[in-house]
Amino acid sequence: MIKQNCTFDADKQGTVLEIALRGEIDHHSAVQIRTEMDELIYEERPSKTVLDLSAIEFMDSSGLGLIMGRYALMKKLGGELTLRNPNPRIVQIFALAGMERMVKIEEDGKEGRQ
C-alpha cells in the first residue's frame, strides 16, 4: 500500500494562490500532489502561486521536480512561482541544482533570495 506523505491547503487572495504543503515530498506523494495542484492552478489561473514549504519535513529529488514543474506551468500561463519559508536543506538542494536563480524564495512573506 502506498501512503500519501504530503498534503496541502490552498487559499486564493485576489490573483495570488497560496498553497501550504505539509509532510514529506517523495516519489510516492509527488504524483498525487502534482495532479491536484495542476488542477487547482488551471482552475484558478492565478498570476502568482506561492508554495509555502515551512511544514515540509523531507524532500527528495521528486520534490525538486514537483516544484520545477509548477514553475514551468506558471510560466506557461504567464504567471510566476515563489517559494515561501523553505528549510535550509531545501534551499541547499535548490542551490546545488542551480534553481535558486529561477524561482523566487520568500521568508515570512517577504522576498528574500532569488
Protein backbone atom coordinates (compact mmCIF):
# COMPACT_ATOMS: atom_id res chain seq x y z
CA MET A 1 0.00 0.00 0.00
CA ILE A 2 1.33 3.43 -0.94
CA LYS A 3 0.84 6.09 1.67
CA GLN A 4 0.47 9.72 0.63
CA ASN A 5 3.02 11.52 2.78
CA CYS A 6 2.24 15.05 1.64
CA THR A 7 -0.92 17.12 1.81
CA PHE A 8 -1.71 20.75 1.12
CA ASP A 9 -4.20 23.51 1.78
CA ALA A 10 -4.85 26.27 -0.72
CA ASP A 11 -6.15 29.81 -0.39
CA LYS A 12 -6.61 32.42 -3.11
CA GLN A 13 -6.36 36.11 -2.28
CA GLY A 14 -7.08 38.20 -5.37
CA THR A 15 -4.85 36.80 -8.11
CA VAL A 16 -2.41 35.08 -5.72
CA LEU A 17 -2.83 31.38 -5.00
CA GLU A 18 -1.13 30.24 -1.80
CA ILE A 19 -0.50 26.52 -1.38
CA ALA A 20 0.75 25.36 2.04
CA LEU A 21 2.36 21.94 1.80
CA ARG A 22 2.82 19.61 4.79
CA GLY A 23 4.73 16.40 5.36
CA GLU A 24 7.19 14.72 3.05
CA ILE A 25 7.57 15.13 -0.70
CA ASP A 26 8.94 11.92 -2.16
CA HIS A 27 8.28 9.84 -5.26
CA HIS A 28 5.21 8.27 -3.62
CA SER A 29 3.47 11.56 -2.86
CA ALA A 30 4.74 13.77 -5.70
CA VAL A 31 2.49 12.32 -8.41
CA GLN A 32 -0.77 12.82 -6.50
CA ILE A 33 0.19 16.29 -5.22
CA ARG A 34 1.28 17.35 -8.72
CA THR A 35 -2.04 16.28 -10.22
CA GLU A 36 -4.10 18.07 -7.57
CA MET A 37 -2.00 21.24 -7.72
CA ASP A 38 -2.16 21.39 -11.52
CA GLU A 39 -5.94 21.03 -11.48
CA LEU A 40 -6.15 23.87 -8.96
CA ILE A 41 -3.78 26.13 -10.91
CA TYR A 42 -5.66 25.54 -14.18
CA GLU A 43 -8.98 26.20 -12.44
CA GLU A 44 -7.91 29.35 -10.58
CA ARG A 45 -5.49 30.82 -13.19
CA PRO A 46 -3.52 32.87 -10.63
CA SER A 47 -0.97 35.48 -11.66
CA LYS A 48 1.24 34.22 -8.83
CA THR A 49 1.41 30.92 -6.98
CA VAL A 50 3.18 30.78 -3.62
CA LEU A 51 4.28 27.38 -2.33
CA ASP A 52 4.65 27.57 1.45
CA LEU A 53 7.22 24.92 2.35
CA SER A 54 7.54 25.76 6.06
CA ALA A 55 5.85 22.47 7.09
CA ILE A 56 7.81 20.22 4.72
CA GLU A 57 9.84 17.79 6.81
CA PHE A 58 11.60 16.00 3.94
CA MET A 59 12.03 16.48 0.21
CA ASP A 60 13.99 14.41 -2.28
CA SER A 61 14.61 14.97 -6.00
CA SER A 62 10.93 14.21 -6.66
CA GLY A 63 10.12 17.37 -4.72
CA LEU A 64 12.54 19.35 -6.84
CA GLY A 65 10.81 18.02 -9.94
CA LEU A 66 7.40 18.85 -8.46
CA ILE A 67 8.41 22.45 -7.80
CA MET A 68 10.13 22.96 -11.15
CA GLY A 69 7.12 21.53 -12.97
CA ARG A 70 4.84 24.05 -11.23
CA TYR A 71 7.37 26.77 -12.15
CA ALA A 72 7.10 25.72 -15.81
CA LEU A 73 3.30 25.59 -15.64
CA MET A 74 3.04 29.06 -14.11
CA LYS A 75 5.46 30.46 -16.69
CA LYS A 76 3.39 28.84 -19.47
CA LEU A 77 0.25 30.52 -18.06
CA GLY A 78 2.01 33.90 -17.84
CA GLY A 79 2.40 33.84 -14.06
CA GLU A 80 5.14 33.36 -11.53
CA LEU A 81 6.01 30.89 -8.79
CA THR A 82 7.50 31.76 -5.40
CA LEU A 83 8.64 29.51 -2.57
CA ARG A 84 7.95 30.61 0.98
CA ASN A 85 9.94 29.58 4.06
CA PRO A 86 11.83 26.56 2.72
CA ASN A 87 14.09 24.92 5.30
CA PRO A 88 17.87 25.18 4.84
CA ARG A 89 18.08 21.68 3.33
CA ILE A 90 15.58 22.58 0.59
CA VAL A 91 17.47 25.81 -0.11
CA GLN A 92 20.65 23.74 -0.38
CA ILE A 93 19.01 21.31 -2.84
CA PHE A 94 17.90 24.27 -4.97
CA ALA A 95 21.35 25.85 -4.86
CA LEU A 96 23.06 22.59 -5.87
CA ALA A 97 20.65 22.22 -8.79
CA GLY A 98 21.14 25.88 -9.81
CA MET A 99 17.43 26.56 -9.43
CA GLU A 100 17.62 29.37 -6.89
CA ARG A 101 18.26 31.75 -9.81
CA MET A 102 14.93 30.82 -11.40
CA VAL A 103 12.45 30.54 -8.53
CA LYS A 104 12.00 33.36 -6.02
CA ILE A 105 12.30 32.49 -2.35
CA GLU A 106 10.47 34.43 0.39
CA GLU A 107 10.88 34.24 4.11
CA ASP A 108 7.87 35.05 6.31
CA GLY A 109 6.00 36.58 3.37
CA LYS A 110 8.86 38.93 2.44
CA GLU A 111 11.00 38.40 -0.60
CA GLY A 112 14.38 37.10 0.46
CA ARG A 113 16.58 35.35 -2.06
CA GLN A 114 16.12 34.87 -5.75
